């Protein structure tokens, strides 16, 4: 794991379930989409970066599923659960065949290098 995560033994038993269940529905929804589709883009409204990722995928002819959760003015607590789950700090979150590949600039780089086609093959 590239970042430290608090070990469960250092979380008081009385709050473990609350932590585990914190906005679990949004995490499970994204997990289900990632399991069902080759490419998934998770974004938010009013943020130009998900649009850039989607435009790059469209230009490359790559089909994807898009999930949008709120915008800068709402739904930030639910989106935080996704950030905690993935460790990725920004939107979009782009998944290819179940693997988080990064955001818009990362997917643009994968397309430019040809690696995205390799990942999808």
PDB file of N, CA and C in Angstrom:
ATOM      1  N   UNK A   1       0.853  -1.182   0.000  1.00  0.00           N
ATOM      2  CA  UNK A   1       0.000   0.000   0.000  1.00  0.00           C
ATOM      3  C   UNK A   1       0.891   1.234   0.000  1.00  0.00           C
ATOM      4  N   UNK A   2       0.676   2.145  -0.910  1.00  0.00           N
ATOM      5  CA  UNK A   2       1.544   3.309  -1.024  1.00  0.00           C
ATOM      6  C   UNK A   2       1.333   4.377   0.045  1.00  0.00           C
ATOM      7  N   UNK A   3       0.320   4.234   0.864  1.00  0.00           N
ATOM      8  CA  UNK A   3       0.077   5.226   1.907  1.00  0.00           C
ATOM      9  C   UNK A   3      -0.233   4.497   3.206  1.00  0.00           C
ATOM     10  N   UNK A   4       0.074   5.106   4.325  1.00  0.00           N
ATOM     11  CA  UNK A   4      -0.229   4.445   5.596  1.00  0.00           C
ATOM     12  C   UNK A   4      -1.734   4.438   5.874  1.00  0.00           C
ATOM     13  N   UNK A   5      -2.192   3.354   6.423  1.00  0.00           N
ATOM     14  CA  UNK A   5      -3.581   3.213   6.835  1.00  0.00           C
ATOM     15  C   UNK A   5      -3.562   2.771   8.294  1.00  0.00           C
ATOM     16  N   UNK A   6      -4.367   3.397   9.107  1.00  0.00           N
ATOM     17  CA  UNK A   6      -4.411   3.068  10.526  1.00  0.00           C
ATOM     18  C   UNK A   6      -4.795   1.609  10.712  1.00  0.00           C
ATOM     19  N   UNK A   7      -3.973   0.884  11.419  1.00  0.00           N
ATOM     20  CA  UNK A   7      -4.231  -0.529  11.669  1.00  0.00           C
ATOM     21  C   UNK A   7      -5.497  -0.687  12.509  1.00  0.00           C
ATOM     22  N   UNK A   8      -6.281  -1.700  12.172  1.00  0.00           N
ATOM     23  CA  UNK A   8      -7.551  -1.928  12.876  1.00  0.00           C
ATOM     24  C   UNK A   8      -7.355  -2.097  14.375  1.00  0.00           C
ATOM     25  N   UNK A   9      -6.222  -2.629  14.781  1.00  0.00           N
ATOM     26  CA  UNK A   9      -5.973  -2.811  16.216  1.00  0.00           C
ATOM     27  C   UNK A   9      -5.862  -1.480  16.950  1.00  0.00           C
ATOM     28  N   UNK A  10      -5.690  -0.395  16.207  1.00  0.00           N
ATOM     29  CA  UNK A  10      -5.603   0.936  16.811  1.00  0.00           C
ATOM     30  C   UNK A  10      -6.909   1.714  16.683  1.00  0.00           C
ATOM     31  N   UNK A  11      -7.973   1.020  16.348  1.00  0.00           N
ATOM     32  CA  UNK A  11      -9.306   1.620  16.284  1.00  0.00           C
ATOM     33  C   UNK A  11     -10.143   0.966  17.375  1.00  0.00           C
ATOM     34  N   UNK A  12     -10.731   1.768  18.215  1.00  0.00           N
ATOM     35  CA  UNK A  12     -11.516   1.239  19.329  1.00  0.00           C
ATOM     36  C   UNK A  12     -12.663   0.379  18.798  1.00  0.00           C
ATOM     37  N   UNK A  13     -12.889  -0.781  19.412  1.00  0.00           N
ATOM     38  CA  UNK A  13     -13.949  -1.685  18.927  1.00  0.00           C
ATOM     39  C   UNK A  13     -15.328  -1.034  18.835  1.00  0.00           C
ATOM     40  N   UNK A  14     -15.608  -0.063  19.686  1.00  0.00           N
ATOM     41  CA  UNK A  14     -16.930   0.570  19.688  1.00  0.00           C
ATOM     42  C   UNK A  14     -17.192   1.380  18.421  1.00  0.00           C
ATOM     43  N   UNK A  15     -16.153   1.776  17.695  1.00  0.00           N
ATOM     44  CA  UNK A  15     -16.387   2.589  16.496  1.00  0.00           C
ATOM     45  C   UNK A  15     -15.998   1.883  15.198  1.00  0.00           C
ATOM     46  N   UNK A  16     -15.490   0.675  15.277  1.00  0.00           N
ATOM     47  CA  UNK A  16     -15.066  -0.033  14.064  1.00  0.00           C
ATOM     48  C   UNK A  16     -16.198  -0.191  13.056  1.00  0.00           C
ATOM     49  N   UNK A  17     -17.368  -0.587  13.517  1.00  0.00           N
ATOM     50  CA  UNK A  17     -18.495  -0.789  12.605  1.00  0.00           C
ATOM     51  C   UNK A  17     -18.923   0.528  11.964  1.00  0.00           C
ATOM     52  N   UNK A  18     -18.893   1.599  12.736  1.00  0.00           N
ATOM     53  CA  UNK A  18     -19.277   2.901  12.187  1.00  0.00           C
ATOM     54  C   UNK A  18     -18.307   3.314  11.076  1.00  0.00           C
ATOM     55  N   UNK A  19     -17.034   3.067  11.280  1.00  0.00           N
ATOM     56  CA  UNK A  19     -16.037   3.374  10.253  1.00  0.00           C
ATOM     57  C   UNK A  19     -16.255   2.495   9.025  1.00  0.00           C
ATOM     58  N   UNK A  20     -16.464   1.214   9.246  1.00  0.00           N
ATOM     59  CA  UNK A  20     -16.644   0.274   8.140  1.00  0.00           C
ATOM     60  C   UNK A  20     -17.893   0.587   7.311  1.00  0.00           C
ATOM     61  N   UNK A  21     -18.931   1.102   7.953  1.00  0.00           N
ATOM     62  CA  UNK A  21     -20.201   1.345   7.272  1.00  0.00           C
ATOM     63  C   UNK A  21     -20.345   2.777   6.758  1.00  0.00           C
ATOM     64  N   UNK A  22     -19.360   3.624   6.995  1.00  0.00           N
ATOM     65  CA  UNK A  22     -19.455   5.037   6.619  1.00  0.00           C
ATOM     66  C   UNK A  22     -19.643   5.198   5.108  1.00  0.00           C
ATOM     67  N   UNK A  23     -20.841   5.578   4.718  1.00  0.00           N
ATOM     68  CA  UNK A  23     -21.208   5.757   3.304  1.00  0.00           C
ATOM     69  C   UNK A  23     -20.797   4.549   2.456  1.00  0.00           C
ATOM     70  N   UNK A  24     -20.977   3.372   3.020  1.00  0.00           N
ATOM     71  CA  UNK A  24     -20.627   2.136   2.336  1.00  0.00           C
ATOM     72  C   UNK A  24     -21.407   1.960   1.034  1.00  0.00           C
ATOM     73  N   UNK A  25     -22.611   2.521   0.966  1.00  0.00           N
ATOM     74  CA  UNK A  25     -23.435   2.370  -0.228  1.00  0.00           C
ATOM     75  C   UNK A  25     -22.762   2.950  -1.476  1.00  0.00           C
ATOM     76  N   UNK A  26     -22.118   4.103  -1.360  1.00  0.00           N
ATOM     77  CA  UNK A  26     -21.476   4.706  -2.522  1.00  0.00           C
ATOM     78  C   UNK A  26     -20.252   3.890  -2.940  1.00  0.00           C
ATOM     79  N   UNK A  27     -19.517   3.380  -1.974  1.00  0.00           N
ATOM     80  CA  UNK A  27     -18.354   2.541  -2.276  1.00  0.00           C
ATOM     81  C   UNK A  27     -18.808   1.264  -2.976  1.00  0.00           C
ATOM     82  N   UNK A  28     -19.857   0.646  -2.479  1.00  0.00           N
ATOM     83  CA  UNK A  28     -20.363  -0.585  -3.094  1.00  0.00           C
ATOM     84  C   UNK A  28     -20.904  -0.330  -4.499  1.00  0.00           C
ATOM     85  N   UNK A  29     -21.517   0.819  -4.719  1.00  0.00           N
ATOM     86  CA  UNK A  29     -22.022   1.157  -6.048  1.00  0.00           C
ATOM     87  C   UNK A  29     -20.868   1.281  -7.043  1.00  0.00           C
ATOM     88  N   UNK A  30     -19.796   1.934  -6.633  1.00  0.00           N
ATOM     89  CA  UNK A  30     -18.633   2.065  -7.519  1.00  0.00           C
ATOM     90  C   UNK A  30     -17.961   0.707  -7.699  1.00  0.00           C
ATOM     91  N   UNK A  31     -17.839  -0.075  -6.639  1.00  0.00           N
ATOM     92  CA  UNK A  31     -17.252  -1.407  -6.755  1.00  0.00           C
ATOM     93  C   UNK A  31     -18.029  -2.258  -7.754  1.00  0.00           C
ATOM     94  N   UNK A  32     -19.354  -2.193  -7.698  1.00  0.00           N
ATOM     95  CA  UNK A  32     -20.186  -2.970  -8.622  1.00  0.00           C
ATOM     96  C   UNK A  32     -19.974  -2.510 -10.060  1.00  0.00           C
ATOM     97  N   UNK A  33     -19.892  -1.209 -10.276  1.00  0.00           N
ATOM     98  CA  UNK A  33     -19.666  -0.693 -11.629  1.00  0.00           C
ATOM     99  C   UNK A  33     -18.297  -1.108 -12.142  1.00  0.00           C
ATOM    100  N   UNK A  34     -17.288  -1.034 -11.283  1.00  0.00           N
ATOM    101  CA  UNK A  34     -15.930  -1.412 -11.673  1.00  0.00           C
ATOM    102  C   UNK A  34     -15.864  -2.898 -12.013  1.00  0.00           C
ATOM    103  N   UNK A  35     -16.617  -3.723 -11.290  1.00  0.00           N
ATOM    104  CA  UNK A  35     -16.641  -5.159 -11.566  1.00  0.00           C
ATOM    105  C   UNK A  35     -17.390  -5.477 -12.865  1.00  0.00           C
ATOM    106  N   UNK A  36     -18.367  -4.639 -13.221  1.00  0.00           N
ATOM    107  CA  UNK A  36     -19.219  -4.927 -14.371  1.00  0.00           C
ATOM    108  C   UNK A  36     -18.752  -4.299 -15.683  1.00  0.00           C
ATOM    109  N   UNK A  37     -17.885  -3.295 -15.626  1.00  0.00           N
ATOM    110  CA  UNK A  37     -17.506  -2.560 -16.829  1.00  0.00           C
ATOM    111  C   UNK A  37     -15.990  -2.457 -16.948  1.00  0.00           C
ATOM    112  N   UNK A  38     -15.493  -2.464 -18.173  1.00  0.00           N
ATOM    113  CA  UNK A  38     -14.045  -2.400 -18.405  1.00  0.00           C
ATOM    114  C   UNK A  38     -13.462  -1.053 -18.003  1.00  0.00           C
ATOM    115  N   UNK A  39     -14.188   0.025 -18.270  1.00  0.00           N
ATOM    116  CA  UNK A  39     -13.701   1.363 -17.929  1.00  0.00           C
ATOM    117  C   UNK A  39     -14.815   2.111 -17.195  1.00  0.00           C
ATOM    118  N   UNK A  40     -14.467   2.658 -16.052  1.00  0.00           N
ATOM    119  CA  UNK A  40     -15.415   3.431 -15.250  1.00  0.00           C
ATOM    120  C   UNK A  40     -14.756   4.754 -14.881  1.00  0.00           C
ATOM    121  N   UNK A  41     -15.496   5.832 -15.083  1.00  0.00           N
ATOM    122  CA  UNK A  41     -15.051   7.159 -14.678  1.00  0.00           C
ATOM    123  C   UNK A  41     -15.989   7.633 -13.580  1.00  0.00           C
ATOM    124  N   UNK A  42     -15.427   7.976 -12.440  1.00  0.00           N
ATOM    125  CA  UNK A  42     -16.206   8.493 -11.315  1.00  0.00           C
ATOM    126  C   UNK A  42     -15.893   9.978 -11.198  1.00  0.00           C
ATOM    127  N   UNK A  43     -16.926  10.800 -11.294  1.00  0.00           N
ATOM    128  CA  UNK A  43     -16.693  12.234 -11.278  1.00  0.00           C
ATOM    129  C   UNK A  43     -17.700  12.983 -10.444  1.00  0.00           C
ATOM    130  N   UNK A  44     -17.649  14.294 -10.624  1.00  0.00           N
ATOM    131  CA  UNK A  44     -18.559  15.192  -9.926  1.00  0.00           C
ATOM    132  C   UNK A  44     -18.861  16.372 -10.839  1.00  0.00           C
ATOM    133  N   UNK A  45     -20.031  16.963 -10.647  1.00  0.00           N
ATOM    134  CA  UNK A  45     -20.418  18.106 -11.454  1.00  0.00           C
ATOM    135  C   UNK A  45     -19.583  19.334 -11.119  1.00  0.00           C
ATOM    136  N   UNK A  46     -19.541  20.263 -12.029  1.00  0.00           N
ATOM    137  CA  UNK A  46     -18.832  21.538 -11.909  1.00  0.00           C
ATOM    138  C   UNK A  46     -17.315  21.395 -11.914  1.00  0.00           C
ATOM    139  N   UNK A  47     -16.815  20.200 -12.022  1.00  0.00           N
ATOM    140  CA  UNK A  47     -15.379  19.954 -12.059  1.00  0.00           C
ATOM    141  C   UNK A  47     -15.016  19.663 -13.518  1.00  0.00           C
ATOM    142  N   UNK A  48     -14.117  20.433 -14.125  1.00  0.00           N
ATOM    143  CA  UNK A  48     -13.806  20.225 -15.537  1.00  0.00           C
ATOM    144  C   UNK A  48     -12.990  18.955 -15.815  1.00  0.00           C
ATOM    145  N   UNK A  49     -12.324  18.409 -14.824  1.00  0.00           N
ATOM    146  CA  UNK A  49     -11.438  17.273 -15.069  1.00  0.00           C
ATOM    147  C   UNK A  49     -12.180  15.989 -15.470  1.00  0.00           C
ATOM    148  N   UNK A  50     -13.324  15.646 -14.858  1.00  0.00           N
ATOM    149  CA  UNK A  50     -14.055  14.476 -15.364  1.00  0.00           C
ATOM    150  C   UNK A  50     -14.458  14.647 -16.829  1.00  0.00           C
ATOM    151  N   UNK A  51     -14.820  15.856 -17.218  1.00  0.00           N
ATOM    152  CA  UNK A  51     -15.178  16.110 -18.626  1.00  0.00           C
ATOM    153  C   UNK A  51     -13.974  15.879 -19.532  1.00  0.00           C
ATOM    154  N   UNK A  52     -12.781  16.273 -19.077  1.00  0.00           N
ATOM    155  CA  UNK A  52     -11.570  16.066 -19.875  1.00  0.00           C
ATOM    156  C   UNK A  52     -11.264  14.575 -20.019  1.00  0.00           C
ATOM    157  N   UNK A  53     -11.438  13.824 -18.950  1.00  0.00           N
ATOM    158  CA  UNK A  53     -11.205  12.376 -19.018  1.00  0.00           C
ATOM    159  C   UNK A  53     -12.187  11.731 -19.980  1.00  0.00           C
ATOM    160  N   UNK A  54     -13.440  12.114 -19.896  1.00  0.00           N
ATOM    161  CA  UNK A  54     -14.466  11.545 -20.762  1.00  0.00           C
ATOM    162  C   UNK A  54     -14.222  11.932 -22.222  1.00  0.00           C
ATOM    163  N   UNK A  55     -13.815  13.181 -22.458  1.00  0.00           N
ATOM    164  CA  UNK A  55     -13.533  13.626 -23.824  1.00  0.00           C
ATOM    165  C   UNK A  55     -12.355  12.841 -24.408  1.00  0.00           C
ATOM    166  N   UNK A  56     -11.340  12.596 -23.595  1.00  0.00           N
ATOM    167  CA  UNK A  56     -10.183  11.824 -24.071  1.00  0.00           C
ATOM    168  C   UNK A  56     -10.594  10.394 -24.414  1.00  0.00           C
ATOM    169  N   UNK A  57     -11.415   9.786 -23.578  1.00  0.00           N
ATOM    170  CA  UNK A  57     -11.888   8.424 -23.849  1.00  0.00           C
ATOM    171  C   UNK A  57     -12.773   8.402 -25.091  1.00  0.00           C
ATOM    172  N   UNK A  58     -13.643   9.394 -25.221  1.00  0.00           N
ATOM    173  CA  UNK A  58     -14.498   9.488 -26.414  1.00  0.00           C
ATOM    174  C   UNK A  58     -13.645   9.608 -27.678  1.00  0.00           C
ATOM    175  N   UNK A  59     -12.638  10.479 -27.637  1.00  0.00           N
ATOM    176  CA  UNK A  59     -11.780  10.689 -28.806  1.00  0.00           C
ATOM    177  C   UNK A  59     -11.001   9.425 -29.169  1.00  0.00           C
ATOM    178  N   UNK A  60     -10.685   8.623 -28.151  1.00  0.00           N
ATOM    179  CA  UNK A  60      -9.951   7.375 -28.386  1.00  0.00           C
ATOM    180  C   UNK A  60     -10.886   6.227 -28.759  1.00  0.00           C
ATOM    181  N   UNK A  61     -12.198   6.478 -28.731  1.00  0.00           N
ATOM    182  CA  UNK A  61     -13.167   5.433 -29.067  1.00  0.00           C
ATOM    183  C   UNK A  61     -13.314   4.376 -27.996  1.00  0.00           C
ATOM    184  N   UNK A  62     -13.049   4.749 -26.749  1.00  0.00           N
ATOM    185  CA  UNK A  62     -13.130   3.800 -25.629  1.00  0.00           C
ATOM    186  C   UNK A  62     -14.465   3.982 -24.915  1.00  0.00           C
ATOM    187  N   UNK A  63     -15.234   2.904 -24.855  1.00  0.00           N
ATOM    188  CA  UNK A  63     -16.512   2.941 -24.136  1.00  0.00           C
ATOM    189  C   UNK A  63     -16.237   2.950 -22.641  1.00  0.00           C
ATOM    190  N   UNK A  64     -17.080   3.663 -21.897  1.00  0.00           N
ATOM    191  CA  UNK A  64     -16.908   3.747 -20.451  1.00  0.00           C
ATOM    192  C   UNK A  64     -18.259   3.960 -19.787  1.00  0.00           C
ATOM    193  N   UNK A  65     -18.290   3.717 -18.509  1.00  0.00           N
ATOM    194  CA  UNK A  65     -19.456   4.008 -17.682  1.00  0.00           C
ATOM    195  C   UNK A  65     -19.096   5.194 -16.811  1.00  0.00           C
ATOM    196  N   UNK A  66     -20.015   6.153 -16.726  1.00  0.00           N
ATOM    197  CA  UNK A  66     -19.751   7.355 -15.938  1.00  0.00           C
ATOM    198  C   UNK A  66     -20.686   7.416 -14.750  1.00  0.00           C
ATOM    199  N   UNK A  67     -20.117   7.622 -13.574  1.00  0.00           N
ATOM    200  CA  UNK A  67     -20.883   7.818 -12.351  1.00  0.00           C
ATOM    201  C   UNK A  67     -20.563   9.209 -11.829  1.00  0.00           C
ATOM    202  N   UNK A  68     -21.600   9.992 -11.535  1.00  0.00           N
ATOM    203  CA  UNK A  68     -21.379  11.355 -11.043  1.00  0.00           C
ATOM    204  C   UNK A  68     -22.030  11.507  -9.683  1.00  0.00           C
ATOM    205  N   UNK A  69     -21.262  12.067  -8.761  1.00  0.00           N
ATOM    206  CA  UNK A  69     -21.737  12.247  -7.398  1.00  0.00           C
ATOM    207  C   UNK A  69     -21.622  13.708  -6.986  1.00  0.00           C
ATOM    208  N   UNK A  70     -22.730  14.422  -7.093  1.00  0.00           N
ATOM    209  CA  UNK A  70     -22.815  15.790  -6.616  1.00  0.00           C
ATOM    210  C   UNK A  70     -21.879  16.744  -7.315  1.00  0.00           C
ATOM    211  N   UNK A  71     -21.568  17.850  -6.603  1.00  0.00           N
ATOM    212  CA  UNK A  71     -20.668  18.868  -7.116  1.00  0.00           C
ATOM    213  C   UNK A  71     -19.972  19.537  -5.939  1.00  0.00           C
ATOM    214  N   UNK A  72     -19.294  20.617  -6.198  1.00  0.00           N
ATOM    215  CA  UNK A  72     -18.559  21.283  -5.120  1.00  0.00           C
ATOM    216  C   UNK A  72     -19.464  21.751  -3.982  1.00  0.00           C
ATOM    217  N   UNK A  73     -20.730  21.941  -4.268  1.00  0.00           N
ATOM    218  CA  UNK A  73     -21.647  22.499  -3.285  1.00  0.00           C
ATOM    219  C   UNK A  73     -22.401  21.453  -2.467  1.00  0.00           C
ATOM    220  N   UNK A  74     -22.295  20.183  -2.837  1.00  0.00           N
ATOM    221  CA  UNK A  74     -23.029  19.161  -2.082  1.00  0.00           C
ATOM    222  C   UNK A  74     -22.356  17.799  -2.224  1.00  0.00           C
ATOM    223  N   UNK A  75     -22.808  16.876  -1.438  1.00  0.00           N
ATOM    224  CA  UNK A  75     -22.420  15.465  -1.510  1.00  0.00           C
ATOM    225  C   UNK A  75     -20.939  15.225  -1.204  1.00  0.00           C
ATOM    226  N   UNK A  76     -20.252  16.195  -0.607  1.00  0.00           N
ATOM    227  CA  UNK A  76     -18.818  16.017  -0.375  1.00  0.00           C
ATOM    228  C   UNK A  76     -18.539  14.920   0.633  1.00  0.00           C
ATOM    229  N   UNK A  77     -19.412  14.719   1.620  1.00  0.00           N
ATOM    230  CA  UNK A  77     -19.171  13.651   2.600  1.00  0.00           C
ATOM    231  C   UNK A  77     -19.203  12.277   1.936  1.00  0.00           C
ATOM    232  N   UNK A  78     -20.144  12.083   1.040  1.00  0.00           N
ATOM    233  CA  UNK A  78     -20.227  10.794   0.334  1.00  0.00           C
ATOM    234  C   UNK A  78     -19.010  10.598  -0.562  1.00  0.00           C
ATOM    235  N   UNK A  79     -18.582  11.654  -1.248  1.00  0.00           N
ATOM    236  CA  UNK A  79     -17.392  11.539  -2.096  1.00  0.00           C
ATOM    237  C   UNK A  79     -16.141  11.260  -1.268  1.00  0.00           C
ATOM    238  N   UNK A  80     -16.097  11.790  -0.053  1.00  0.00           N
ATOM    239  CA  UNK A  80     -14.943  11.536   0.816  1.00  0.00           C
ATOM    240  C   UNK A  80     -14.787  10.048   1.094  1.00  0.00           C
ATOM    241  N   UNK A  81     -15.893   9.319   1.197  1.00  0.00           N
ATOM    242  CA  UNK A  81     -15.811   7.869   1.405  1.00  0.00           C
ATOM    243  C   UNK A  81     -15.083   7.205   0.237  1.00  0.00           C
ATOM    244  N   UNK A  82     -15.294   7.691  -0.970  1.00  0.00           N
ATOM    245  CA  UNK A  82     -14.585   7.143  -2.140  1.00  0.00           C
ATOM    246  C   UNK A  82     -13.098   7.472  -2.077  1.00  0.00           C
ATOM    247  N   UNK A  83     -12.779   8.669  -1.645  1.00  0.00           N
ATOM    248  CA  UNK A  83     -11.374   9.060  -1.518  1.00  0.00           C
ATOM    249  C   UNK A  83     -10.667   8.210  -0.462  1.00  0.00           C
ATOM    250  N   UNK A  84     -11.356   7.947   0.639  1.00  0.00           N
ATOM    251  CA  UNK A  84     -10.777   7.102   1.678  1.00  0.00           C
ATOM    252  C   UNK A  84     -10.595   5.673   1.185  1.00  0.00           C
ATOM    253  N   UNK A  85     -11.556   5.189   0.424  1.00  0.00           N
ATOM    254  CA  UNK A  85     -11.498   3.815  -0.089  1.00  0.00           C
ATOM    255  C   UNK A  85     -10.338   3.649  -1.067  1.00  0.00           C
ATOM    256  N   UNK A  86     -10.185   4.591  -1.991  1.00  0.00           N
ATOM    257  CA  UNK A  86      -9.166   4.445  -3.028  1.00  0.00           C
ATOM    258  C   UNK A  86      -7.808   5.015  -2.638  1.00  0.00           C
ATOM    259  N   UNK A  87      -7.812   6.033  -1.781  1.00  0.00           N
ATOM    260  CA  UNK A  87      -6.583   6.750  -1.503  1.00  0.00           C
ATOM    261  C   UNK A  87      -6.295   7.819  -2.546  1.00  0.00           C
ATOM    262  N   UNK A  88      -7.151   7.943  -3.564  1.00  0.00           N
ATOM    263  CA  UNK A  88      -6.975   8.935  -4.625  1.00  0.00           C
ATOM    264  C   UNK A  88      -7.651  10.228  -4.174  1.00  0.00           C
ATOM    265  N   UNK A  89      -6.941  11.359  -4.177  1.00  0.00           N
ATOM    266  CA  UNK A  89      -7.463  12.573  -3.560  1.00  0.00           C
ATOM    267  C   UNK A  89      -8.390  13.431  -4.405  1.00  0.00           C
ATOM    268  N   UNK A  90      -8.497  13.157  -5.708  1.00  0.00           N
ATOM    269  CA  UNK A  90      -9.259  14.058  -6.574  1.00  0.00           C
ATOM    270  C   UNK A  90     -10.204  13.281  -7.494  1.00  0.00           C
ATOM    271  N   UNK A  91     -11.046  14.046  -8.180  1.00  0.00           N
ATOM    272  CA  UNK A  91     -11.926  13.487  -9.199  1.00  0.00           C
ATOM    273  C   UNK A  91     -11.519  14.057 -10.545  1.00  0.00           C
ATOM    274  N   UNK A  92     -11.582  13.214 -11.574  1.00  0.00           N
ATOM    275  CA  UNK A  92     -12.201  11.906 -11.617  1.00  0.00           C
ATOM    276  C   UNK A  92     -11.287  10.819 -11.062  1.00  0.00           C
ATOM    277  N   UNK A  93     -11.921   9.691 -10.848  1.00  0.00           N
ATOM    278  CA  UNK A  93     -11.229   8.446 -10.562  1.00  0.00           C
ATOM    279  C   UNK A  93     -11.529   7.552 -11.753  1.00  0.00           C
ATOM    280  N   UNK A  94     -10.501   7.129 -12.448  1.00  0.00           N
ATOM    281  CA  UNK A  94     -10.694   6.311 -13.645  1.00  0.00           C
ATOM    282  C   UNK A  94     -10.191   4.903 -13.352  1.00  0.00           C
ATOM    283  N   UNK A  95     -11.065   3.943 -13.563  1.00  0.00           N
ATOM    284  CA  UNK A  95     -10.740   2.530 -13.351  1.00  0.00           C
ATOM    285  C   UNK A  95     -10.712   1.827 -14.700  1.00  0.00           C
ATOM    286  N   UNK A  96      -9.697   1.004 -14.914  1.00  0.00           N
ATOM    287  CA  UNK A  96      -9.599   0.199 -16.125  1.00  0.00           C
ATOM    288  C   UNK A  96      -9.425  -1.250 -15.699  1.00  0.00           C
ATOM    289  N   UNK A  97     -10.404  -2.073 -16.090  1.00  0.00           N
ATOM    290  CA  UNK A  97     -10.399  -3.499 -15.735  1.00  0.00           C
ATOM    291  C   UNK A  97     -10.139  -3.700 -14.244  1.00  0.00           C
ATOM    292  N   UNK A  98     -10.828  -2.913 -13.420  1.00  0.00           N
ATOM    293  CA  UNK A  98     -10.765  -3.072 -11.971  1.00  0.00           C
ATOM    294  C   UNK A  98      -9.615  -2.379 -11.288  1.00  0.00           C
ATOM    295  N   UNK A  99      -8.756  -1.714 -12.052  1.00  0.00           N
ATOM    296  CA  UNK A  99      -7.590  -1.057 -11.471  1.00  0.00           C
ATOM    297  C   UNK A  99      -7.735   0.459 -11.575  1.00  0.00           C
ATOM    298  N   UNK A 100      -7.511   1.150 -10.475  1.00  0.00           N
ATOM    299  CA  UNK A 100      -7.514   2.605 -10.491  1.00  0.00           C
ATOM    300  C   UNK A 100      -6.265   3.067 -11.237  1.00  0.00           C
ATOM    301  N   UNK A 101      -6.463   3.819 -12.326  1.00  0.00           N
ATOM    302  CA  UNK A 101      -5.327   4.287 -13.129  1.00  0.00           C
ATOM    303  C   UNK A 101      -5.049   5.771 -12.919  1.00  0.00           C
ATOM    304  N   UNK A 102      -5.874   6.446 -12.131  1.00  0.00           N
ATOM    305  CA  UNK A 102      -5.645   7.855 -11.831  1.00  0.00           C
ATOM    306  C   UNK A 102      -6.778   8.733 -12.284  1.00  0.00           C
ATOM    307  N   UNK A 103      -6.421   9.960 -12.672  1.00  0.00           N
ATOM    308  CA  UNK A 103      -7.402  10.949 -13.076  1.00  0.00           C
ATOM    309  C   UNK A 103      -7.318  11.262 -14.554  1.00  0.00           C
ATOM    310  N   UNK A 104      -7.755  12.460 -14.911  1.00  0.00           N
ATOM    311  CA  UNK A 104      -7.839  12.852 -16.322  1.00  0.00           C
ATOM    312  C   UNK A 104      -6.468  12.883 -16.996  1.00  0.00           C
ATOM    313  N   UNK A 105      -5.489  13.514 -16.376  1.00  0.00           N
ATOM    314  CA  UNK A 105      -4.175  13.601 -17.019  1.00  0.00           C
ATOM    315  C   UNK A 105      -3.519  12.225 -17.108  1.00  0.00           C
ATOM    316  N   UNK A 106      -3.810  11.370 -16.140  1.00  0.00           N
ATOM    317  CA  UNK A 106      -3.254  10.013 -16.171  1.00  0.00           C
ATOM    318  C   UNK A 106      -3.848   9.203 -17.313  1.00  0.00           C
ATOM    319  N   UNK A 107      -5.156   9.313 -17.515  1.00  0.00           N
ATOM    320  CA  UNK A 107      -5.783   8.558 -18.599  1.00  0.00           C
ATOM    321  C   UNK A 107      -5.369   9.137 -19.949  1.00  0.00           C
ATOM    322  N   UNK A 108      -5.176  10.442 -20.021  1.00  0.00           N
ATOM    323  CA  UNK A 108      -4.678  11.034 -21.264  1.00  0.00           C
ATOM    324  C   UNK A 108      -3.290  10.485 -21.593  1.00  0.00           C
ATOM    325  N   UNK A 109      -2.448  10.352 -20.584  1.00  0.00           N
ATOM    326  CA  UNK A 109      -1.099   9.805 -20.798  1.00  0.00           C
ATOM    327  C   UNK A 109      -1.160   8.339 -21.225  1.00  0.00           C
ATOM    328  N   UNK A 110      -2.070   7.572 -20.624  1.00  0.00           N
ATOM    329  CA  UNK A 110      -2.224   6.167 -21.015  1.00  0.00           C
ATOM    330  C   UNK A 110      -2.670   6.041 -22.466  1.00  0.00           C
ATOM    331  N   UNK A 111      -3.565   6.922 -22.877  1.00  0.00           N
ATOM    332  CA  UNK A 111      -4.033   6.908 -24.272  1.00  0.00           C
ATOM    333  C   UNK A 111      -2.883   7.280 -25.198  1.00  0.00           C
ATOM    334  N   UNK A 112      -2.161   8.350 -24.879  1.00  0.00           N
ATOM    335  CA  UNK A 112      -1.072   8.825 -25.736  1.00  0.00           C
ATOM    336  C   UNK A 112       0.044   7.795 -25.891  1.00  0.00           C
ATOM    337  N   UNK A 113       0.317   7.052 -24.815  1.00  0.00           N
ATOM    338  CA  UNK A 113       1.395   6.057 -24.874  1.00  0.00           C
ATOM    339  C   UNK A 113       0.963   4.746 -25.506  1.00  0.00           C
ATOM    340  N   UNK A 114      -0.352   4.550 -25.661  1.00  0.00           N
ATOM    341  CA  UNK A 114      -0.861   3.284 -26.184  1.00  0.00           C
ATOM    342  C   UNK A 114      -1.084   2.247 -25.108  1.00  0.00           C
ATOM    343  N   UNK A 115      -0.732   2.582 -23.870  1.00  0.00           N
ATOM    344  CA  UNK A 115      -0.876   1.619 -22.785  1.00  0.00           C
ATOM    345  C   UNK A 115      -2.331   1.305 -22.467  1.00  0.00           C
ATOM    346  N   UNK A 116      -3.229   2.267 -22.684  1.00  0.00           N
ATOM    347  CA  UNK A 116      -4.629   1.985 -22.401  1.00  0.00           C
ATOM    348  C   UNK A 116      -5.144   0.832 -23.257  1.00  0.00           C
ATOM    349  N   UNK A 117      -4.792   0.815 -24.533  1.00  0.00           N
ATOM    350  CA  UNK A 117      -5.203  -0.301 -25.413  1.00  0.00           C
ATOM    351  C   UNK A 117      -4.645  -1.618 -24.908  1.00  0.00           C
ATOM    352  N   UNK A 118      -3.425  -1.595 -24.423  1.00  0.00           N
ATOM    353  CA  UNK A 118      -2.812  -2.805 -23.877  1.00  0.00           C
ATOM    354  C   UNK A 118      -3.574  -3.271 -22.644  1.00  0.00           C
ATOM    355  N   UNK A 119      -3.928  -2.337 -21.774  1.00  0.00           N
ATOM    356  CA  UNK A 119      -4.682  -2.692 -20.562  1.00  0.00           C
ATOM    357  C   UNK A 119      -6.048  -3.280 -20.890  1.00  0.00           C
ATOM    358  N   UNK A 120      -6.647  -2.792 -21.968  1.00  0.00           N
ATOM    359  CA  UNK A 120      -7.987  -3.244 -22.350  1.00  0.00           C
ATOM    360  C   UNK A 120      -7.966  -4.534 -23.169  1.00  0.00           C
ATOM    361  N   UNK A 121      -6.797  -4.906 -23.690  1.00  0.00           N
ATOM    362  CA  UNK A 121      -6.709  -6.110 -24.534  1.00  0.00           C
ATOM    363  C   UNK A 121      -6.867  -7.375 -23.719  1.00  0.00           C
TER     364      UNK A 121
END
